[in-house]
N, C-alpha and C. Protein backbone atom coordinates (compact mmCIF):
# COMPACT_ATOMS: atom_id res chain seq x y z
N UNK A 1 -16.36 17.06 8.17
CA UNK A 1 -17.32 16.00 8.39
C UNK A 1 -16.61 14.83 9.07
N UNK A 2 -17.28 14.21 10.01
CA UNK A 2 -16.68 13.09 10.73
C UNK A 2 -16.67 11.83 9.86
N UNK A 3 -15.86 10.88 10.25
CA UNK A 3 -15.78 9.61 9.52
C UNK A 3 -17.14 8.92 9.51
N UNK A 4 -17.82 8.90 10.64
CA UNK A 4 -19.14 8.25 10.71
C UNK A 4 -20.12 8.90 9.75
N UNK A 5 -20.11 10.23 9.66
CA UNK A 5 -21.00 10.93 8.73
C UNK A 5 -20.63 10.63 7.28
N UNK A 6 -19.34 10.57 7.01
CA UNK A 6 -18.87 10.27 5.66
C UNK A 6 -19.33 8.88 5.23
N UNK A 7 -19.20 7.90 6.12
CA UNK A 7 -19.59 6.53 5.78
C UNK A 7 -21.05 6.45 5.35
N UNK A 8 -21.90 7.24 5.97
CA UNK A 8 -23.33 7.23 5.63
C UNK A 8 -23.59 7.68 4.20
N UNK A 9 -22.67 8.44 3.63
CA UNK A 9 -22.84 8.98 2.28
C UNK A 9 -22.21 8.11 1.19
N UNK A 10 -21.41 7.14 1.58
CA UNK A 10 -20.71 6.29 0.61
C UNK A 10 -21.55 5.06 0.26
N UNK A 11 -21.30 4.46 -0.92
CA UNK A 11 -22.06 3.28 -1.32
C UNK A 11 -21.94 2.14 -0.29
N UNK A 12 -23.04 1.45 -0.10
CA UNK A 12 -23.10 0.32 0.84
C UNK A 12 -22.30 -0.86 0.29
N UNK A 13 -21.83 -1.71 1.20
CA UNK A 13 -21.01 -2.87 0.81
C UNK A 13 -21.52 -4.17 1.42
N UNK A 14 -22.80 -4.25 1.73
CA UNK A 14 -23.34 -5.46 2.35
C UNK A 14 -23.19 -6.68 1.45
N UNK A 15 -23.01 -6.46 0.15
CA UNK A 15 -22.82 -7.56 -0.80
C UNK A 15 -21.39 -8.10 -0.81
N UNK A 16 -20.50 -7.45 -0.06
CA UNK A 16 -19.09 -7.86 -0.04
C UNK A 16 -18.72 -8.55 1.26
N UNK A 17 -17.94 -9.63 1.15
CA UNK A 17 -17.35 -10.27 2.32
C UNK A 17 -16.06 -9.55 2.68
N UNK A 18 -15.48 -8.85 1.70
CA UNK A 18 -14.25 -8.12 1.93
C UNK A 18 -13.59 -7.71 0.62
N UNK A 19 -12.35 -7.28 0.75
CA UNK A 19 -11.56 -6.86 -0.40
C UNK A 19 -10.17 -7.48 -0.30
N UNK A 20 -9.59 -7.79 -1.45
CA UNK A 20 -8.21 -8.25 -1.52
C UNK A 20 -7.42 -7.16 -2.23
N UNK A 21 -6.30 -6.77 -1.66
CA UNK A 21 -5.44 -5.74 -2.24
C UNK A 21 -4.23 -6.42 -2.86
N UNK A 22 -3.92 -6.04 -4.11
CA UNK A 22 -2.84 -6.68 -4.84
C UNK A 22 -1.85 -5.66 -5.38
N UNK A 23 -0.58 -6.06 -5.40
CA UNK A 23 0.46 -5.18 -5.93
C UNK A 23 0.47 -5.26 -7.46
N UNK A 24 1.40 -4.56 -8.08
CA UNK A 24 1.48 -4.47 -9.54
C UNK A 24 1.71 -5.83 -10.19
N UNK A 25 2.33 -6.75 -9.46
CA UNK A 25 2.58 -8.09 -10.00
C UNK A 25 1.43 -9.05 -9.76
N UNK A 26 0.37 -8.58 -9.10
CA UNK A 26 -0.78 -9.43 -8.82
C UNK A 26 -0.68 -10.20 -7.52
N UNK A 27 0.37 -9.94 -6.76
CA UNK A 27 0.54 -10.61 -5.47
C UNK A 27 -0.36 -9.98 -4.41
N UNK A 28 -0.94 -10.82 -3.57
CA UNK A 28 -1.81 -10.31 -2.51
C UNK A 28 -0.98 -9.60 -1.44
N UNK A 29 -1.33 -8.35 -1.19
CA UNK A 29 -0.65 -7.53 -0.20
C UNK A 29 -1.40 -7.56 1.13
N UNK A 30 -2.73 -7.55 1.04
CA UNK A 30 -3.56 -7.53 2.25
C UNK A 30 -4.98 -7.88 1.89
N UNK A 31 -5.74 -8.20 2.92
CA UNK A 31 -7.18 -8.36 2.74
C UNK A 31 -7.87 -7.59 3.86
N UNK A 32 -9.04 -7.06 3.53
CA UNK A 32 -9.83 -6.33 4.51
C UNK A 32 -11.19 -7.01 4.55
N UNK A 33 -11.56 -7.52 5.71
CA UNK A 33 -12.83 -8.23 5.85
C UNK A 33 -13.95 -7.28 6.22
N UNK A 34 -15.13 -7.59 5.73
CA UNK A 34 -16.31 -6.79 6.05
C UNK A 34 -16.87 -7.30 7.37
N UNK A 35 -16.22 -6.89 8.46
CA UNK A 35 -16.63 -7.28 9.80
C UNK A 35 -16.38 -6.09 10.73
N UNK A 36 -16.96 -6.11 11.91
CA UNK A 36 -16.75 -4.99 12.83
C UNK A 36 -15.26 -4.69 13.01
N UNK A 37 -14.93 -3.42 12.97
CA UNK A 37 -13.55 -2.98 13.11
C UNK A 37 -12.86 -2.77 11.77
N UNK A 38 -13.39 -3.40 10.72
CA UNK A 38 -12.81 -3.24 9.38
C UNK A 38 -13.84 -2.82 8.35
N UNK A 39 -15.12 -2.90 8.68
CA UNK A 39 -16.18 -2.62 7.72
C UNK A 39 -16.07 -1.22 7.13
N UNK A 40 -15.71 -0.23 7.93
CA UNK A 40 -15.55 1.13 7.42
C UNK A 40 -14.45 1.21 6.38
N UNK A 41 -13.39 0.45 6.60
CA UNK A 41 -12.30 0.44 5.61
C UNK A 41 -12.74 -0.23 4.32
N UNK A 42 -13.59 -1.25 4.40
CA UNK A 42 -14.11 -1.87 3.18
C UNK A 42 -14.91 -0.83 2.40
N UNK A 43 -15.71 -0.05 3.10
CA UNK A 43 -16.50 1.00 2.45
C UNK A 43 -15.58 2.01 1.76
N UNK A 44 -14.57 2.49 2.48
CA UNK A 44 -13.67 3.51 1.93
C UNK A 44 -12.85 2.96 0.75
N UNK A 45 -12.20 1.83 0.94
CA UNK A 45 -11.36 1.26 -0.12
C UNK A 45 -12.20 0.90 -1.34
N UNK A 46 -13.39 0.35 -1.13
CA UNK A 46 -14.25 0.01 -2.26
C UNK A 46 -14.65 1.27 -3.03
N UNK A 47 -15.00 2.31 -2.31
CA UNK A 47 -15.37 3.58 -2.94
C UNK A 47 -14.20 4.15 -3.75
N UNK A 48 -13.01 4.12 -3.17
CA UNK A 48 -11.83 4.63 -3.87
C UNK A 48 -11.56 3.83 -5.14
N UNK A 49 -11.71 2.50 -5.05
CA UNK A 49 -11.47 1.66 -6.22
C UNK A 49 -12.49 1.96 -7.31
N UNK A 50 -13.73 2.24 -6.93
CA UNK A 50 -14.75 2.57 -7.91
C UNK A 50 -14.45 3.92 -8.58
N UNK A 51 -13.99 4.87 -7.79
CA UNK A 51 -13.71 6.21 -8.34
C UNK A 51 -12.44 6.26 -9.18
N UNK A 52 -11.39 5.59 -8.70
CA UNK A 52 -10.07 5.72 -9.32
C UNK A 52 -9.63 4.48 -10.11
N UNK A 53 -10.33 3.38 -9.97
CA UNK A 53 -9.95 2.15 -10.66
C UNK A 53 -8.92 1.33 -9.91
N UNK A 54 -8.29 1.91 -8.91
CA UNK A 54 -7.28 1.26 -8.08
C UNK A 54 -6.99 2.22 -6.91
N UNK A 55 -6.16 1.78 -5.98
CA UNK A 55 -5.77 2.67 -4.89
C UNK A 55 -4.40 3.27 -5.26
N UNK A 56 -4.45 4.33 -6.02
CA UNK A 56 -3.26 5.07 -6.46
C UNK A 56 -2.90 6.09 -5.38
N UNK A 57 -1.78 6.77 -5.52
CA UNK A 57 -1.47 7.83 -4.56
C UNK A 57 -2.57 8.90 -4.48
N UNK A 58 -3.16 9.25 -5.62
CA UNK A 58 -4.26 10.23 -5.59
C UNK A 58 -5.47 9.68 -4.85
N UNK A 59 -5.78 8.41 -5.10
CA UNK A 59 -6.89 7.77 -4.40
C UNK A 59 -6.60 7.69 -2.91
N UNK A 60 -5.35 7.38 -2.56
CA UNK A 60 -4.97 7.30 -1.15
C UNK A 60 -5.13 8.65 -0.46
N UNK A 61 -4.78 9.72 -1.15
CA UNK A 61 -4.94 11.07 -0.57
C UNK A 61 -6.41 11.36 -0.31
N UNK A 62 -7.27 10.97 -1.25
CA UNK A 62 -8.71 11.14 -1.06
C UNK A 62 -9.18 10.28 0.11
N UNK A 63 -8.64 9.08 0.21
CA UNK A 63 -8.99 8.18 1.31
C UNK A 63 -8.66 8.79 2.66
N UNK A 64 -7.52 9.46 2.76
CA UNK A 64 -7.15 10.11 4.03
C UNK A 64 -8.16 11.19 4.39
N UNK A 65 -8.67 11.90 3.38
CA UNK A 65 -9.72 12.89 3.63
C UNK A 65 -10.97 12.21 4.16
N UNK A 66 -11.33 11.08 3.56
CA UNK A 66 -12.55 10.36 3.97
C UNK A 66 -12.44 9.82 5.39
N UNK A 67 -11.25 9.36 5.76
CA UNK A 67 -11.05 8.83 7.12
C UNK A 67 -11.11 9.93 8.18
N UNK A 68 -11.03 11.17 7.76
CA UNK A 68 -11.21 12.35 8.63
C UNK A 68 -10.37 12.26 9.90
N UNK A 69 -11.03 12.28 11.05
CA UNK A 69 -10.32 12.33 12.34
C UNK A 69 -9.46 11.08 12.57
N UNK A 70 -9.81 9.97 11.95
CA UNK A 70 -9.00 8.75 12.13
C UNK A 70 -7.66 8.87 11.41
N UNK A 71 -7.61 9.64 10.33
CA UNK A 71 -6.34 9.85 9.62
C UNK A 71 -5.38 10.64 10.51
N UNK A 72 -5.89 11.63 11.22
CA UNK A 72 -5.05 12.39 12.14
C UNK A 72 -4.53 11.49 13.24
N UNK A 73 -5.39 10.63 13.77
CA UNK A 73 -4.98 9.70 14.83
C UNK A 73 -3.94 8.71 14.31
N UNK A 74 -4.10 8.26 13.06
CA UNK A 74 -3.14 7.33 12.47
C UNK A 74 -1.77 7.98 12.31
N UNK A 75 -1.75 9.24 11.90
CA UNK A 75 -0.47 9.94 11.75
C UNK A 75 0.22 10.10 13.11
N UNK A 76 -0.57 10.35 14.14
CA UNK A 76 -0.02 10.55 15.48
C UNK A 76 0.36 9.23 16.15
N UNK A 77 -0.23 8.12 15.69
CA UNK A 77 -0.02 6.81 16.31
C UNK A 77 0.20 5.74 15.25
N UNK A 78 1.37 5.76 14.59
CA UNK A 78 1.63 4.76 13.55
C UNK A 78 1.42 3.34 14.08
N UNK A 79 0.74 2.52 13.27
CA UNK A 79 0.48 1.13 13.64
C UNK A 79 -0.91 0.93 14.25
N UNK A 80 -1.53 1.99 14.70
CA UNK A 80 -2.86 1.88 15.33
C UNK A 80 -3.96 1.64 14.30
N UNK A 81 -3.79 2.18 13.10
CA UNK A 81 -4.79 2.07 12.03
C UNK A 81 -4.11 1.55 10.77
N UNK A 82 -3.90 0.24 10.66
CA UNK A 82 -3.13 -0.29 9.53
C UNK A 82 -3.70 0.04 8.15
N UNK A 83 -5.01 0.11 8.02
CA UNK A 83 -5.58 0.41 6.70
C UNK A 83 -5.34 1.86 6.31
N UNK A 84 -5.23 2.74 7.28
CA UNK A 84 -4.88 4.14 7.00
C UNK A 84 -3.38 4.26 6.78
N UNK A 85 -2.60 3.54 7.60
CA UNK A 85 -1.15 3.54 7.42
C UNK A 85 -0.78 3.10 6.01
N UNK A 86 -1.54 2.14 5.48
CA UNK A 86 -1.28 1.65 4.11
C UNK A 86 -1.44 2.78 3.10
N UNK A 87 -2.49 3.60 3.27
CA UNK A 87 -2.71 4.72 2.35
C UNK A 87 -1.56 5.72 2.43
N UNK A 88 -1.12 6.02 3.63
CA UNK A 88 0.00 6.94 3.82
C UNK A 88 1.24 6.39 3.12
N UNK A 89 1.48 5.09 3.27
CA UNK A 89 2.63 4.45 2.62
C UNK A 89 2.55 4.49 1.10
N UNK A 90 1.35 4.32 0.55
CA UNK A 90 1.20 4.38 -0.91
C UNK A 90 1.57 5.75 -1.44
N UNK A 91 1.18 6.78 -0.71
CA UNK A 91 1.53 8.15 -1.12
C UNK A 91 3.04 8.35 -1.02
N UNK A 92 3.62 7.93 0.10
CA UNK A 92 5.07 8.12 0.30
C UNK A 92 5.90 7.37 -0.72
N UNK A 93 5.47 6.17 -1.10
CA UNK A 93 6.24 5.33 -2.04
C UNK A 93 5.78 5.47 -3.48
N UNK A 94 4.73 6.29 -3.71
CA UNK A 94 4.17 6.46 -5.05
C UNK A 94 3.80 5.11 -5.67
N UNK A 95 3.08 4.31 -4.90
CA UNK A 95 2.67 2.97 -5.33
C UNK A 95 1.16 2.92 -5.52
N UNK A 96 0.72 1.91 -6.26
CA UNK A 96 -0.70 1.69 -6.51
C UNK A 96 -1.04 0.23 -6.21
N UNK A 97 -2.18 0.02 -5.59
CA UNK A 97 -2.69 -1.33 -5.33
C UNK A 97 -3.98 -1.53 -6.09
N UNK A 98 -4.12 -2.72 -6.67
CA UNK A 98 -5.38 -3.10 -7.30
C UNK A 98 -6.29 -3.69 -6.23
N UNK A 99 -7.59 -3.58 -6.47
CA UNK A 99 -8.58 -4.04 -5.50
C UNK A 99 -9.46 -5.10 -6.15
N UNK A 100 -9.59 -6.23 -5.49
CA UNK A 100 -10.48 -7.29 -5.94
C UNK A 100 -11.58 -7.44 -4.90
N UNK A 101 -12.81 -7.34 -5.35
CA UNK A 101 -13.94 -7.51 -4.44
C UNK A 101 -14.14 -9.01 -4.17
N UNK A 102 -14.42 -9.32 -2.91
CA UNK A 102 -14.76 -10.69 -2.50
C UNK A 102 -16.23 -10.64 -2.12
N UNK A 103 -17.05 -11.28 -2.93
CA UNK A 103 -18.50 -11.18 -2.73
C UNK A 103 -18.98 -12.13 -1.64
N UNK A 104 -19.96 -11.66 -0.88
CA UNK A 104 -20.59 -12.48 0.16
C UNK A 104 -21.47 -13.53 -0.52
N UNK A 105 -21.54 -14.69 0.06
CA UNK A 105 -22.33 -15.77 -0.54
C UNK A 105 -23.64 -15.93 0.22
């Protein structure tokens, strides 16, 4: 299934302005805004956080499946897809990130 088809099946995130990703110490690692170019990542990361409670290595592996053809492109072109690169790094380093939802006002 393509990434676009997958996104249609995942929970909507129109209520979110974005997500904040935090390390084990609570430090902010990254933020993903719900805007063109990043909205799909908000959908994927939010879904993973709902399923797994955080973005663990197992959640990251599932995320790579959800990103479908974009995950292959990210592996072939490191740096082109930072939100996918982050998932690959979590698996490689066996790390987990917590996710905080930032609600739209």
